[in-house]
């Protein structure tokens, strides 16, 4: 209105400058015109009415950029000036094209917004409503969701932009081997302690559901955490080992599970050496020389140590006898606990050779370490190192699973939000049926993965609460590697598809999207690759004499599917699942009894995939049969069961595991390779 008043009071001057009379302007319909003309008036006032020609030209340019109607009206009045319309048009076309110089256009795409991930996740809230309907849990997760958006998301992004660096020497030439991380990384450590992200699993406030509560929080935290979930996984794993061994290091346990940010410790997990990653039995060369009592000095080279800035670490080494000899194989490995730093702040017999230059997970320091007399305490019995870390592997693989599902949920969250504000070919992406179909498939994958992850967390909680049945204990052993290997593969696929849903912006670094794909890629490598874990599934079957499979079939058929029989809408899914269960059971029986040696090993990967898909389908059907389930829960179950749930049976029928096929596979792979 100030512009309107100025124009009204200055009508005579405006007329003298060659403008249309003010009374012919409708201010209610042309606010942009009023603003443009006022700016032109300001130009006239600066130059004086005697320079009417130049003022008119400038006014035309200003109005043309602001409102075409203003230009049209001015062109009718400019005849009072000595400047022609042609001259003005030529001047304007050379100096004020819509995209020249700083005038880069008026359209800017809105970015996708992250909103409270708890309130936006219908499946998480429904799952907790069904299994853990505790108001304080829901309230805490809602509050934490707001903290993620307002604080933690920015910290995680800072960790990506400011990766760790290695400081080898101090200013006076002393070797210090300090790994310098950004302030945001330190702040995430404090947040982790304050929120009890490890502690919640050991306080056991919610009994057998404590792990579900803890991992629900971790699931929300992971996509925003700047990979701080990795040190937390190893910290939780270390606490689990200490607890399972009868608390031989109580102070360390209390620090690992503390909510006090000043007392809280993180732990490393230094197992990988040059000769082997997963094959620790034959790949570990580090030796331990006895000192006094339970203390040893460790000498060796650790090839891949993640979260190397930890306060302590667990590591494997071979104890030497008085002649310096060691026992080969897993029988010679023992588990040790060591502080990373001495009391004076210097490293504990550790030289950092270099930080790894990685595809992803750049936020977190990963290093090659020389152990040159590192003081360490024997934690396990001598020769029982591999057996002692079994519980740790269970925990870290569950973390890997939860983080994989969290990555999927985050990219789906952002993709669907973006689809509501991005237009293409005349309508929003959310109104393109093909685009929504793609997002729907991503959602189904995410829902199946979520329910499998939560089931494994539930089983772990029941085991720790000493309320697990024999069947549940067997299921935990089987499903932990199955869930880890399958959700890791899902995450890479779903996150990649999600980036594609953003078009070119999904490939641009400063959107923060590409780092999601880079970080997802490690999920199928950490804690055992897909093939290594597939063979672990076979080991669990062999060591239990098939009991883990019996538990699997019994739980799927009797616990998951029976409840859905009363639902006509779920009948197609039930039919598909029962046929797949029957075919899978027949394959397992015949492969073990009558197939040649090596047959099961060749089928291990497809067998693990089949176990995952069938059990995910059973969990989706079970959830959809719940009395408070929605039509979208039913739709997700139906869509999941549309696919080939049992690829091991399909490939067996195609002869993929026959000896002659193996020979042809080898010929195909090495065709043309020159020695």
Foldseek 3Di string as FASTA:
>chain_A
DVLLVVCVVCQVVLVLLQADGPVPDDCVVCVLLSVLVSVLVVLCVVVDSVPSQVSLLVSLLSCVLRDVVSNVRSQVRCVVDPDHPVNSVVVNVVPPDCPPDPNNHDDDFDAFADAQLLVVDPLLVLVCVVPPVDVVLSVLSSVLSRCLRPPLLVLLVVLVVWFWFWDQADPVRHGFRDIDADPSLLVLLLVCLQSQLLLQLVVCPPFLCSLVSSLVSVLSNQVRHNPPLQQLLLLNLVLQLCVVLPNPPVQSNCQSRHSHSVSHFTEKEQQADDQDDVQSQARAAKEWEDDPDQKTFIFDKGAKIWLLVTQKYKYKHFYADPVRDGDGGLQRIFIKIAGQADPVGGGQQKRFPGWDDALASSSITITMIGRGGGMIGGRDPGSCHVVSSPSSLLSSLLSLLSSLLSLLSVLLSRLVSSQVRDDDPHGGNVPDVVSVVLSLVSVLLSLLSVLLSSLLSSLVSCVVSVNDDPLSVLQNQQSSLLSQQPSLVSSLVSLVSSLVSVPPVSVDPVSVSVNSNSVSNCSCPPSHHLLRSLVSNVVSCVVVVNSSVVSLLCCLPPPQQVLLPVPPLLVVLSVLLVVLSVLLVVCVVCCVPPNDPPLCSQLSSLNSQLSSLSVSLSSLSSSCSDPPHDPSSSVSSNVSSVDNSRVSSVVVVVVCRPPVNVVVVVCVVCPPPDD
